Amino acid sequence: MVKLYLMNSPIMVFEGESAVFRAEKISPEEARRIFNSFNPENIISAIGHEATAKALSVILGAEVKVNRVMVSFDFGDMAIVFRLKQRLPEGRVIKSIEELNEIGYELMLVTRVV
């Protein structure tokens, strides 16, 4: 069964195997549509920060929990990635949705195609 990951980084690590991914920017409405098209059993949060989980909860219209796990994509798996538009200074921790909005973010859909 195809899985949908929720991530706060588009970093993909695959040791010893070939993998090809397609990544595209998506709107909050498209992210919500994709999210709602999946069975909740096949959605896995890999969000490592509380503020990001809260922001994605608002965007997707459903609770997103913090869950610091490693992700391993199988063929066809997808991810909605919440990506900050700028790198934060060392040690800075974002504590609110308002701070995320000030910094700016974009959403991406990443799909493993090979």
PDB file of N, CA and C in Angstrom:
ATOM      1  N   MET A   1       0.844  -1.177   0.000  1.00  0.00           N
ATOM      2  CA  MET A   1       0.000   0.000   0.000  1.00  0.00           C
ATOM      3  C   MET A   1       0.893   1.246   0.000  1.00  0.00           C
ATOM      4  N   VAL A   2       0.555   2.207  -0.828  1.00  0.00           N
ATOM      5  CA  VAL A   2       1.309   3.460  -0.927  1.00  0.00           C
ATOM      6  C   VAL A   2       1.128   4.263   0.359  1.00  0.00           C
ATOM      7  N   LYS A   3       2.237   4.833   0.846  1.00  0.00           N
ATOM      8  CA  LYS A   3       2.202   5.631   2.071  1.00  0.00           C
ATOM      9  C   LYS A   3       2.363   7.107   1.732  1.00  0.00           C
ATOM     10  N   LEU A   4       1.819   7.946   2.588  1.00  0.00           N
ATOM     11  CA  LEU A   4       2.006   9.389   2.508  1.00  0.00           C
ATOM     12  C   LEU A   4       2.724   9.826   3.770  1.00  0.00           C
ATOM     13  N   TYR A   5       3.916  10.376   3.605  1.00  0.00           N
ATOM     14  CA  TYR A   5       4.675  10.902   4.727  1.00  0.00           C
ATOM     15  C   TYR A   5       4.454  12.397   4.831  1.00  0.00           C
ATOM     16  N   LEU A   6       4.476  12.905   6.041  1.00  0.00           N
ATOM     17  CA  LEU A   6       4.478  14.348   6.299  1.00  0.00           C
ATOM     18  C   LEU A   6       5.863  14.655   6.832  1.00  0.00           C
ATOM     19  N   MET A   7       6.572  15.571   6.165  1.00  0.00           N
ATOM     20  CA  MET A   7       7.973  15.809   6.502  1.00  0.00           C
ATOM     21  C   MET A   7       8.266  17.303   6.594  1.00  0.00           C
ATOM     22  N   ASN A   8       9.312  17.633   7.364  1.00  0.00           N
ATOM     23  CA  ASN A   8       9.749  19.018   7.445  1.00  0.00           C
ATOM     24  C   ASN A   8      11.117  19.221   6.782  1.00  0.00           C
ATOM     25  N   SER A   9      11.496  18.279   5.927  1.00  0.00           N
ATOM     26  CA  SER A   9      12.723  18.399   5.153  1.00  0.00           C
ATOM     27  C   SER A   9      12.613  17.496   3.931  1.00  0.00           C
ATOM     28  N   PRO A  10      13.060  17.971   2.772  1.00  0.00           N
ATOM     29  CA  PRO A  10      13.009  17.122   1.586  1.00  0.00           C
ATOM     30  C   PRO A  10      14.229  16.217   1.446  1.00  0.00           C
ATOM     31  N   ILE A  11      15.011  16.053   2.492  1.00  0.00           N
ATOM     32  CA  ILE A  11      16.226  15.246   2.422  1.00  0.00           C
ATOM     33  C   ILE A  11      15.866  13.767   2.349  1.00  0.00           C
ATOM     34  N   MET A  12      16.405  13.089   1.337  1.00  0.00           N
ATOM     35  CA  MET A  12      16.169  11.665   1.140  1.00  0.00           C
ATOM     36  C   MET A  12      17.519  10.956   1.233  1.00  0.00           C
ATOM     37  N   VAL A  13      17.620   9.975   2.090  1.00  0.00           N
ATOM     38  CA  VAL A  13      18.857   9.229   2.240  1.00  0.00           C
ATOM     39  C   VAL A  13      18.596   7.769   1.872  1.00  0.00           C
ATOM     40  N   PHE A  14      19.298   7.290   0.879  1.00  0.00           N
ATOM     41  CA  PHE A  14      19.179   5.894   0.460  1.00  0.00           C
ATOM     42  C   PHE A  14      20.584   5.347   0.304  1.00  0.00           C
ATOM     43  N   GLU A  15      20.925   4.414   1.123  1.00  0.00           N
ATOM     44  CA  GLU A  15      22.245   3.815   1.074  1.00  0.00           C
ATOM     45  C   GLU A  15      22.181   2.511   0.282  1.00  0.00           C
ATOM     46  N   GLY A  16      23.030   2.416  -0.745  1.00  0.00           N
ATOM     47  CA  GLY A  16      23.159   1.168  -1.470  1.00  0.00           C
ATOM     48  C   GLY A  16      22.044   0.840  -2.434  1.00  0.00           C
ATOM     49  N   GLU A  17      21.203   1.798  -2.770  1.00  0.00           N
ATOM     50  CA  GLU A  17      20.170   1.511  -3.757  1.00  0.00           C
ATOM     51  C   GLU A  17      19.896   2.757  -4.585  1.00  0.00           C
ATOM     52  N   SER A  18      19.387   2.547  -5.777  1.00  0.00           N
ATOM     53  CA  SER A  18      19.024   3.669  -6.636  1.00  0.00           C
ATOM     54  C   SER A  18      17.582   4.053  -6.367  1.00  0.00           C
ATOM     55  N   ALA A  19      17.351   5.332  -6.310  1.00  0.00           N
ATOM     56  CA  ALA A  19      15.988   5.827  -6.132  1.00  0.00           C
ATOM     57  C   ALA A  19      15.874   7.128  -6.903  1.00  0.00           C
ATOM     58  N   VAL A  20      14.741   7.324  -7.547  1.00  0.00           N
ATOM     59  CA  VAL A  20      14.481   8.557  -8.283  1.00  0.00           C
ATOM     60  C   VAL A  20      13.201   9.156  -7.717  1.00  0.00           C
ATOM     61  N   PHE A  21      13.253  10.466  -7.465  1.00  0.00           N
ATOM     62  CA  PHE A  21      12.119  11.174  -6.895  1.00  0.00           C
ATOM     63  C   PHE A  21      11.696  12.316  -7.801  1.00  0.00           C
ATOM     64  N   ARG A  22      10.413  12.610  -7.789  1.00  0.00           N
ATOM     65  CA  ARG A  22       9.873  13.798  -8.451  1.00  0.00           C
ATOM     66  C   ARG A  22       9.424  14.740  -7.334  1.00  0.00           C
ATOM     67  N   ALA A  23       9.802  16.000  -7.435  1.00  0.00           N
ATOM     68  CA  ALA A  23       9.403  16.984  -6.428  1.00  0.00           C
ATOM     69  C   ALA A  23       8.785  18.182  -7.136  1.00  0.00           C
ATOM     70  N   GLU A  24       7.659  18.629  -6.596  1.00  0.00           N
ATOM     71  CA  GLU A  24       6.988  19.790  -7.177  1.00  0.00           C
ATOM     72  C   GLU A  24       6.356  20.619  -6.070  1.00  0.00           C
ATOM     73  N   LYS A  25       6.331  21.928  -6.269  1.00  0.00           N
ATOM     74  CA  LYS A  25       5.661  22.804  -5.308  1.00  0.00           C
ATOM     75  C   LYS A  25       4.156  22.620  -5.458  1.00  0.00           C
ATOM     76  N   ILE A  26       3.465  22.644  -4.307  1.00  0.00           N
ATOM     77  CA  ILE A  26       2.014  22.525  -4.323  1.00  0.00           C
ATOM     78  C   ILE A  26       1.407  23.594  -3.427  1.00  0.00           C
ATOM     79  N   SER A  27       0.148  23.889  -3.659  1.00  0.00           N
ATOM     80  CA  SER A  27      -0.579  24.876  -2.851  1.00  0.00           C
ATOM     81  C   SER A  27      -1.112  24.195  -1.590  1.00  0.00           C
ATOM     82  N   PRO A  28      -1.477  24.992  -0.593  1.00  0.00           N
ATOM     83  CA  PRO A  28      -2.109  24.402   0.592  1.00  0.00           C
ATOM     84  C   PRO A  28      -3.377  23.622   0.239  1.00  0.00           C
ATOM     85  N   GLU A  29      -4.140  24.104  -0.737  1.00  0.00           N
ATOM     86  CA  GLU A  29      -5.361  23.408  -1.144  1.00  0.00           C
ATOM     87  C   GLU A  29      -5.035  22.043  -1.757  1.00  0.00           C
ATOM     88  N   GLU A  30      -3.984  21.991  -2.580  1.00  0.00           N
ATOM     89  CA  GLU A  30      -3.580  20.727  -3.184  1.00  0.00           C
ATOM     90  C   GLU A  30      -3.057  19.768  -2.116  1.00  0.00           C
ATOM     91  N   ALA A  31      -2.296  20.294  -1.150  1.00  0.00           N
ATOM     92  CA  ALA A  31      -1.799  19.459  -0.048  1.00  0.00           C
ATOM     93  C   ALA A  31      -2.970  18.848   0.718  1.00  0.00           C
ATOM     94  N   ARG A  32      -3.994  19.648   0.989  1.00  0.00           N
ATOM     95  CA  ARG A  32      -5.174  19.163   1.713  1.00  0.00           C
ATOM     96  C   ARG A  32      -5.905  18.087   0.906  1.00  0.00           C
ATOM     97  N   ARG A  33      -6.027  18.300  -0.406  1.00  0.00           N
ATOM     98  CA  ARG A  33      -6.704  17.322  -1.266  1.00  0.00           C
ATOM     99  C   ARG A  33      -5.949  15.988  -1.261  1.00  0.00           C
ATOM    100  N   ILE A  34      -4.630  16.054  -1.399  1.00  0.00           N
ATOM    101  CA  ILE A  34      -3.817  14.830  -1.392  1.00  0.00           C
ATOM    102  C   ILE A  34      -3.932  14.139  -0.039  1.00  0.00           C
ATOM    103  N   PHE A  35      -3.785  14.893   1.029  1.00  0.00           N
ATOM    104  CA  PHE A  35      -3.880  14.348   2.384  1.00  0.00           C
ATOM    105  C   PHE A  35      -5.206  13.625   2.589  1.00  0.00           C
ATOM    106  N   ASN A  36      -6.296  14.271   2.179  1.00  0.00           N
ATOM    107  CA  ASN A  36      -7.631  13.690   2.376  1.00  0.00           C
ATOM    108  C   ASN A  36      -7.903  12.485   1.478  1.00  0.00           C
ATOM    109  N   SER A  37      -7.095  12.293   0.443  1.00  0.00           N
ATOM    110  CA  SER A  37      -7.296  11.157  -0.459  1.00  0.00           C
ATOM    111  C   SER A  37      -6.685   9.866   0.094  1.00  0.00           C
ATOM    112  N   PHE A  38      -5.905   9.969   1.175  1.00  0.00           N
ATOM    113  CA  PHE A  38      -5.252   8.800   1.765  1.00  0.00           C
ATOM    114  C   PHE A  38      -6.033   8.272   2.959  1.00  0.00           C
ATOM    115  N   ASN A  39      -5.993   6.970   3.118  1.00  0.00           N
ATOM    116  CA  ASN A  39      -6.511   6.331   4.318  1.00  0.00           C
ATOM    117  C   ASN A  39      -5.602   6.751   5.475  1.00  0.00           C
ATOM    118  N   PRO A  40      -6.157   7.191   6.606  1.00  0.00           N
ATOM    119  CA  PRO A  40      -5.311   7.631   7.732  1.00  0.00           C
ATOM    120  C   PRO A  40      -4.277   6.594   8.172  1.00  0.00           C
ATOM    121  N   GLU A  41      -4.558   5.302   7.982  1.00  0.00           N
ATOM    122  CA  GLU A  41      -3.599   4.251   8.353  1.00  0.00           C
ATOM    123  C   GLU A  41      -2.317   4.322   7.530  1.00  0.00           C
ATOM    124  N   ASN A  42      -2.388   4.966   6.353  1.00  0.00           N
ATOM    125  CA  ASN A  42      -1.238   5.032   5.454  1.00  0.00           C
ATOM    126  C   ASN A  42      -0.538   6.390   5.480  1.00  0.00           C
ATOM    127  N   ILE A  43      -0.911   7.232   6.439  1.00  0.00           N
ATOM    128  CA  ILE A  43      -0.271   8.546   6.600  1.00  0.00           C
ATOM    129  C   ILE A  43       0.657   8.468   7.802  1.00  0.00           C
ATOM    130  N   ILE A  44       1.917   8.853   7.589  1.00  0.00           N
ATOM    131  CA  ILE A  44       2.924   8.777   8.644  1.00  0.00           C
ATOM    132  C   ILE A  44       3.556  10.147   8.833  1.00  0.00           C
ATOM    133  N   SER A  45       3.395  10.700  10.016  1.00  0.00           N
ATOM    134  CA  SER A  45       4.064  11.966  10.323  1.00  0.00           C
ATOM    135  C   SER A  45       5.524  11.689  10.629  1.00  0.00           C
ATOM    136  N   ALA A  46       6.392  12.478   9.994  1.00  0.00           N
ATOM    137  CA  ALA A  46       7.824  12.462  10.310  1.00  0.00           C
ATOM    138  C   ALA A  46       8.234  13.895  10.635  1.00  0.00           C
ATOM    139  N   ILE A  47       7.306  14.637  11.215  1.00  0.00           N
ATOM    140  CA  ILE A  47       7.534  16.038  11.574  1.00  0.00           C
ATOM    141  C   ILE A  47       8.262  16.083  12.908  1.00  0.00           C
ATOM    142  N   GLY A  48       9.386  16.785  12.933  1.00  0.00           N
ATOM    143  CA  GLY A  48      10.214  16.806  14.129  1.00  0.00           C
ATOM    144  C   GLY A  48      10.092  18.034  14.993  1.00  0.00           C
ATOM    145  N   HIS A  49       9.244  18.983  14.610  1.00  0.00           N
ATOM    146  CA  HIS A  49       9.154  20.235  15.360  1.00  0.00           C
ATOM    147  C   HIS A  49       7.697  20.594  15.630  1.00  0.00           C
ATOM    148  N   GLU A  50       7.419  20.993  16.849  1.00  0.00           N
ATOM    149  CA  GLU A  50       6.047  21.302  17.275  1.00  0.00           C
ATOM    150  C   GLU A  50       5.407  22.406  16.428  1.00  0.00           C
ATOM    151  N   ALA A  51       6.139  23.495  16.162  1.00  0.00           N
ATOM    152  CA  ALA A  51       5.559  24.604  15.390  1.00  0.00           C
ATOM    153  C   ALA A  51       5.191  24.146  13.976  1.00  0.00           C
ATOM    154  N   THR A  52       6.012  23.310  13.388  1.00  0.00           N
ATOM    155  CA  THR A  52       5.712  22.790  12.056  1.00  0.00           C
ATOM    156  C   THR A  52       4.486  21.885  12.105  1.00  0.00           C
ATOM    157  N   ALA A  53       4.390  21.046  13.122  1.00  0.00           N
ATOM    158  CA  ALA A  53       3.221  20.173  13.266  1.00  0.00           C
ATOM    159  C   ALA A  53       1.947  21.010  13.402  1.00  0.00           C
ATOM    160  N   LYS A  54       2.016  22.084  14.171  1.00  0.00           N
ATOM    161  CA  LYS A  54       0.844  22.959  14.333  1.00  0.00           C
ATOM    162  C   LYS A  54       0.479  23.629  13.015  1.00  0.00           C
ATOM    163  N   ALA A  55       1.481  24.121  12.293  1.00  0.00           N
ATOM    164  CA  ALA A  55       1.209  24.784  11.015  1.00  0.00           C
ATOM    165  C   ALA A  55       0.590  23.804  10.022  1.00  0.00           C
ATOM    166  N   LEU A  56       1.144  22.611   9.928  1.00  0.00           N
ATOM    167  CA  LEU A  56       0.578  21.615   9.012  1.00  0.00           C
ATOM    168  C   LEU A  56      -0.820  21.189   9.439  1.00  0.00           C
ATOM    169  N   SER A  57      -1.086  21.162  10.736  1.00  0.00           N
ATOM    170  CA  SER A  57      -2.428  20.842  11.218  1.00  0.00           C
ATOM    171  C   SER A  57      -3.439  21.850  10.687  1.00  0.00           C
ATOM    172  N   VAL A  58      -3.051  23.127  10.703  1.00  0.00           N
ATOM    173  CA  VAL A  58      -3.929  24.180  10.181  1.00  0.00           C
ATOM    174  C   VAL A  58      -4.098  24.028   8.672  1.00  0.00           C
ATOM    175  N   ILE A  59      -2.999  23.838   7.968  1.00  0.00           N
ATOM    176  CA  ILE A  59      -3.035  23.727   6.508  1.00  0.00           C
ATOM    177  C   ILE A  59      -3.861  22.529   6.058  1.00  0.00           C
ATOM    178  N   LEU A  60      -3.666  21.373   6.722  1.00  0.00           N
ATOM    179  CA  LEU A  60      -4.320  20.140   6.291  1.00  0.00           C
ATOM    180  C   LEU A  60      -5.699  19.933   6.905  1.00  0.00           C
ATOM    181  N   GLY A  61      -6.034  20.704   7.935  1.00  0.00           N
ATOM    182  CA  GLY A  61      -7.336  20.559   8.565  1.00  0.00           C
ATOM    183  C   GLY A  61      -7.460  19.304   9.403  1.00  0.00           C
ATOM    184  N   ALA A  62      -6.329  18.791   9.890  1.00  0.00           N
ATOM    185  CA  ALA A  62      -6.313  17.590  10.724  1.00  0.00           C
ATOM    186  C   ALA A  62      -5.088  17.657  11.626  1.00  0.00           C
ATOM    187  N   GLU A  63      -5.189  17.004  12.773  1.00  0.00           N
ATOM    188  CA  GLU A  63      -4.072  17.040  13.718  1.00  0.00           C
ATOM    189  C   GLU A  63      -2.854  16.305  13.164  1.00  0.00           C
ATOM    190  N   VAL A  64      -1.720  16.988  13.187  1.00  0.00           N
ATOM    191  CA  VAL A  64      -0.438  16.392  12.812  1.00  0.00           C
ATOM    192  C   VAL A  64       0.413  16.361  14.078  1.00  0.00           C
ATOM    193  N   LYS A  65       0.903  15.189  14.409  1.00  0.00           N
ATOM    194  CA  LYS A  65       1.696  15.033  15.629  1.00  0.00           C
ATOM    195  C   LYS A  65       3.186  15.060  15.313  1.00  0.00           C
ATOM    196  N   VAL A  66       3.962  15.504  16.294  1.00  0.00           N
ATOM    197  CA  VAL A  66       5.410  15.426  16.199  1.00  0.00           C
ATOM    198  C   VAL A  66       5.799  13.954  16.298  1.00  0.00           C
ATOM    199  N   ASN A  67       6.661  13.535  15.389  1.00  0.00           N
ATOM    200  CA  ASN A  67       7.056  12.128  15.358  1.00  0.00           C
ATOM    201  C   ASN A  67       8.425  12.064  14.681  1.00  0.00           C
ATOM    202  N   ARG A  68       9.475  12.066  15.472  1.00  0.00           N
ATOM    203  CA  ARG A  68      10.842  12.087  14.940  1.00  0.00           C
ATOM    204  C   ARG A  68      11.258  10.663  14.557  1.00  0.00           C
ATOM    205  N   VAL A  69      10.951  10.302  13.304  1.00  0.00           N
ATOM    206  CA  VAL A  69      11.271   8.960  12.806  1.00  0.00           C
ATOM    207  C   VAL A  69      12.044   9.070  11.492  1.00  0.00           C
ATOM    208  N   MET A  70      12.767   8.005  11.178  1.00  0.00           N
ATOM    209  CA  MET A  70      13.426   7.888   9.879  1.00  0.00           C
ATOM    210  C   MET A  70      12.377   7.463   8.849  1.00  0.00           C
ATOM    211  N   VAL A  71      12.544   7.935   7.626  1.00  0.00           N
ATOM    212  CA  VAL A  71      11.609   7.627   6.556  1.00  0.00           C
ATOM    213  C   VAL A  71      12.327   6.807   5.493  1.00  0.00           C
ATOM    214  N   SER A  72      11.653   5.787   5.015  1.00  0.00           N
ATOM    215  CA  SER A  72      12.188   4.969   3.929  1.00  0.00           C
ATOM    216  C   SER A  72      11.087   4.790   2.888  1.00  0.00           C
ATOM    217  N   PHE A  73      11.294   5.378   1.724  1.00  0.00           N
ATOM    218  CA  PHE A  73      10.293   5.349   0.663  1.00  0.00           C
ATOM    219  C   PHE A  73      10.352   4.051  -0.117  1.00  0.00           C
ATOM    220  N   ASP A  74       9.191   3.477  -0.379  1.00  0.00           N
ATOM    221  CA  ASP A  74       9.054   2.415  -1.352  1.00  0.00           C
ATOM    222  C   ASP A  74       8.545   3.045  -2.642  1.00  0.00           C
ATOM    223  N   PHE A  75       8.616   2.298  -3.734  1.00  0.00           N
ATOM    224  CA  PHE A  75       8.124   2.796  -5.014  1.00  0.00           C
ATOM    225  C   PHE A  75       6.687   3.303  -4.868  1.00  0.00           C
ATOM    226  N   GLY A  76       6.431   4.519  -5.325  1.00  0.00           N
ATOM    227  CA  GLY A  76       5.090   5.100  -5.287  1.00  0.00           C
ATOM    228  C   GLY A  76       4.774   5.899  -4.044  1.00  0.00           C
ATOM    229  N   ASP A  77       5.550   5.728  -2.981  1.00  0.00           N
ATOM    230  CA  ASP A  77       5.288   6.495  -1.757  1.00  0.00           C
ATOM    231  C   ASP A  77       5.452   7.985  -2.031  1.00  0.00           C
ATOM    232  N   MET A  78       4.723   8.773  -1.255  1.00  0.00           N
ATOM    233  CA  MET A  78       4.708  10.223  -1.439  1.00  0.00           C
ATOM    234  C   MET A  78       4.975  10.915  -0.105  1.00  0.00           C
ATOM    235  N   ALA A  79       5.331  12.194  -0.203  1.00  0.00           N
ATOM    236  CA  ALA A  79       5.490  13.011   0.997  1.00  0.00           C
ATOM    237  C   ALA A  79       5.007  14.420   0.712  1.00  0.00           C
ATOM    238  N   ILE A  80       4.292  14.963   1.673  1.00  0.00           N
ATOM    239  CA  ILE A  80       4.027  16.400   1.686  1.00  0.00           C
ATOM    240  C   ILE A  80       5.114  16.983   2.568  1.00  0.00           C
ATOM    241  N   VAL A  81       5.923  17.857   1.974  1.00  0.00           N
ATOM    242  CA  VAL A  81       7.073  18.422   2.672  1.00  0.00           C
ATOM    243  C   VAL A  81       6.818  19.899   2.952  1.00  0.00           C
ATOM    244  N   PHE A  82       6.957  20.258   4.212  1.00  0.00           N
ATOM    245  CA  PHE A  82       6.858  21.653   4.659  1.00  0.00           C
ATOM    246  C   PHE A  82       8.284  22.172   4.730  1.00  0.00           C
ATOM    247  N   ARG A  83       8.632  23.127   3.875  1.00  0.00           N
ATOM    248  CA  ARG A  83      10.019  23.590   3.777  1.00  0.00           C
ATOM    249  C   ARG A  83      10.104  25.091   4.030  1.00  0.00           C
ATOM    250  N   LEU A  84      10.971  25.458   4.977  1.00  0.00           N
ATOM    251  CA  LEU A  84      11.207  26.873   5.237  1.00  0.00           C
ATOM    252  C   LEU A  84      11.911  27.498   4.052  1.00  0.00           C
ATOM    253  N   LYS A  85      11.620  28.777   3.780  1.00  0.00           N
ATOM    254  CA  LYS A  85      12.228  29.466   2.645  1.00  0.00           C
ATOM    255  C   LYS A  85      13.624  29.998   2.952  1.00  0.00           C
ATOM    256  N   GLN A  86      14.032  29.923   4.197  1.00  0.00           N
ATOM    257  CA  GLN A  86      15.387  30.344   4.539  1.00  0.00           C
ATOM    258  C   GLN A  86      15.930  29.497   5.672  1.00  0.00           C
ATOM    259  N   ARG A  87      17.225  29.387   5.711  1.00  0.00           N
ATOM    260  CA  ARG A  87      17.887  28.610   6.761  1.00  0.00           C
ATOM    261  C   ARG A  87      17.937  29.456   8.026  1.00  0.00           C
ATOM    262  N   LEU A  88      17.631  28.832   9.156  1.00  0.00           N
ATOM    263  CA  LEU A  88      17.633  29.544  10.429  1.00  0.00           C
ATOM    264  C   LEU A  88      19.050  29.637  10.994  1.00  0.00           C
ATOM    265  N   PRO A  89      19.323  30.697  11.748  1.00  0.00           N
ATOM    266  CA  PRO A  89      20.622  30.788  12.417  1.00  0.00           C
ATOM    267  C   PRO A  89      20.797  29.629  13.407  1.00  0.00           C
ATOM    268  N   GLU A  90      22.039  29.244  13.640  1.00  0.00           N
ATOM    269  CA  GLU A  90      22.363  28.158  14.564  1.00  0.00           C
ATOM    270  C   GLU A  90      21.680  28.371  15.914  1.00  0.00           C
ATOM    271  N   GLY A  91      20.987  27.360  16.386  1.00  0.00           N
ATOM    272  CA  GLY A  91      20.367  27.404  17.703  1.00  0.00           C
ATOM    273  C   GLY A  91      18.983  28.029  17.765  1.00  0.00           C
ATOM    274  N   ARG A  92      18.526  28.644  16.687  1.00  0.00           N
ATOM    275  CA  ARG A  92      17.194  29.272  16.709  1.00  0.00           C
ATOM    276  C   ARG A  92      16.118  28.200  16.618  1.00  0.00           C
ATOM    277  N   VAL A  93      15.144  28.317  17.513  1.00  0.00           N
ATOM    278  CA  VAL A  93      14.017  27.398  17.533  1.00  0.00           C
ATOM    279  C   VAL A  93      12.754  28.206  17.299  1.00  0.00           C
ATOM    280  N   ILE A  94      11.954  27.791  16.340  1.00  0.00           N
ATOM    281  CA  ILE A  94      10.690  28.470  16.050  1.00  0.00           C
ATOM    282  C   ILE A  94       9.641  27.919  16.997  1.00  0.00           C
ATOM    283  N   LYS A  95       8.913  28.836  17.639  1.00  0.00           N
ATOM    284  CA  LYS A  95       7.960  28.404  18.655  1.00  0.00           C
ATOM    285  C   LYS A  95       6.502  28.708  18.311  1.00  0.00           C
ATOM    286  N   SER A  96       6.276  29.361  17.165  1.00  0.00           N
ATOM    287  CA  SER A  96       4.888  29.704  16.861  1.00  0.00           C
ATOM    288  C   SER A  96       4.636  29.691  15.359  1.00  0.00           C
ATOM    289  N   ILE A  97       3.366  29.554  15.025  1.00  0.00           N
ATOM    290  CA  ILE A  97       2.949  29.608  13.631  1.00  0.00           C
ATOM    291  C   ILE A  97       3.236  30.993  13.064  1.00  0.00           C
ATOM    292  N   GLU A  98       3.090  32.016  13.882  1.00  0.00           N
ATOM    293  CA  GLU A  98       3.361  33.379  13.433  1.00  0.00           C
ATOM    294  C   GLU A  98       4.811  33.529  12.979  1.00  0.00           C
ATOM    295  N   GLU A  99       5.740  32.940  13.731  1.00  0.00           N
ATOM    296  CA  GLU A  99       7.152  32.983  13.334  1.00  0.00           C
ATOM    297  C   GLU A  99       7.368  32.260  12.006  1.00  0.00           C
ATOM    298  N   LEU A 100       6.707  31.122  11.822  1.00  0.00           N
ATOM    299  CA  LEU A 100       6.821  30.394  10.553  1.00  0.00           C
ATOM    300  C   LEU A 100       6.324  31.250   9.394  1.00  0.00           C
ATOM    301  N   ASN A 101       5.211  31.952   9.600  1.00  0.00           N
ATOM    302  CA  ASN A 101       4.664  32.801   8.552  1.00  0.00           C
ATOM    303  C   ASN A 101       5.600  33.957   8.223  1.00  0.00           C
ATOM    304  N   GLU A 102       6.266  34.510   9.242  1.00  0.00           N
ATOM    305  CA  GLU A 102       7.228  35.596   9.015  1.00  0.00           C
ATOM    306  C   GLU A 102       8.406  35.128   8.175  1.00  0.00           C
ATOM    307  N   ILE A 103       8.927  33.958   8.478  1.00  0.00           N
ATOM    308  CA  ILE A 103      10.075  33.408   7.763  1.00  0.00           C
ATOM    309  C   ILE A 103       9.679  33.013   6.345  1.00  0.00           C
ATOM    310  N   GLY A 104       8.490  32.466   6.213  1.00  0.00           N
ATOM    311  CA  GLY A 104       7.997  32.004   4.928  1.00  0.00           C
ATOM    312  C   GLY A 104       8.271  30.523   4.726  1.00  0.00           C
ATOM    313  N   TYR A 105       7.386  29.873   4.031  1.00  0.00           N
ATOM    314  CA  TYR A 105       7.517  28.446   3.776  1.00  0.00           C
ATOM    315  C   TYR A 105       6.847  28.106   2.458  1.00  0.00           C
ATOM    316  N   GLU A 106       7.133  26.909   1.998  1.00  0.00           N
ATOM    317  CA  GLU A 106       6.456  26.382   0.821  1.00  0.00           C
ATOM    318  C   GLU A 106       6.167  24.909   1.063  1.00  0.00           C
ATOM    319  N   LEU A 107       5.225  24.399   0.308  1.00  0.00           N
ATOM    320  CA  LEU A 107       4.875  22.979   0.388  1.00  0.00           C
ATOM    321  C   LEU A 107       5.320  22.304  -0.892  1.00  0.00           C
ATOM    322  N   MET A 108       5.820  21.099  -0.731  1.00  0.00           N
ATOM    323  CA  MET A 108       6.249  20.305  -1.882  1.00  0.00           C
ATOM    324  C   MET A 108       5.605  18.929  -1.810  1.00  0.00           C
ATOM    325  N   LEU A 109       5.363  18.354  -2.966  1.00  0.00           N
ATOM    326  CA  LEU A 109       4.957  16.959  -3.054  1.00  0.00           C
ATOM    327  C   LEU A 109       6.140  16.207  -3.628  1.00  0.00           C
ATOM    328  N   VAL A 110       6.637  15.230  -2.890  1.00  0.00           N
ATOM    329  CA  VAL A 110       7.750  14.394  -3.327  1.00  0.00           C
ATOM    330  C   VAL A 110       7.213  12.979  -3.515  1.00  0.00           C
ATOM    331  N   THR A 111       7.510  12.395  -4.669  1.00  0.00           N
ATOM    332  CA  THR A 111       7.047  11.054  -4.992  1.00  0.00           C
ATOM    333  C   THR A 111       8.224  10.205  -5.462  1.00  0.00           C
ATOM    334  N   ARG A 112       8.350   9.004  -4.907  1.00  0.00           N
ATOM    335  CA  ARG A 112       9.385   8.092  -5.403  1.00  0.00           C
ATOM    336  C   ARG A 112       8.857   7.437  -6.666  1.00  0.00           C
ATOM    337  N   VAL A 113       9.557   7.665  -7.781  1.00  0.00           N
ATOM    338  CA  VAL A 113       9.097   7.143  -9.076  1.00  0.00           C
ATOM    339  C   VAL A 113       9.895   5.931  -9.530  1.00  0.00           C
ATOM    340  N   VAL A 114      11.087   5.707  -8.987  1.00  0.00           N
ATOM    341  CA  VAL A 114      11.894   4.514  -9.311  1.00  0.00           C
ATOM    342  C   VAL A 114      12.544   4.029  -8.042  1.00  0.00           C
TER     343      VAL A 114
END
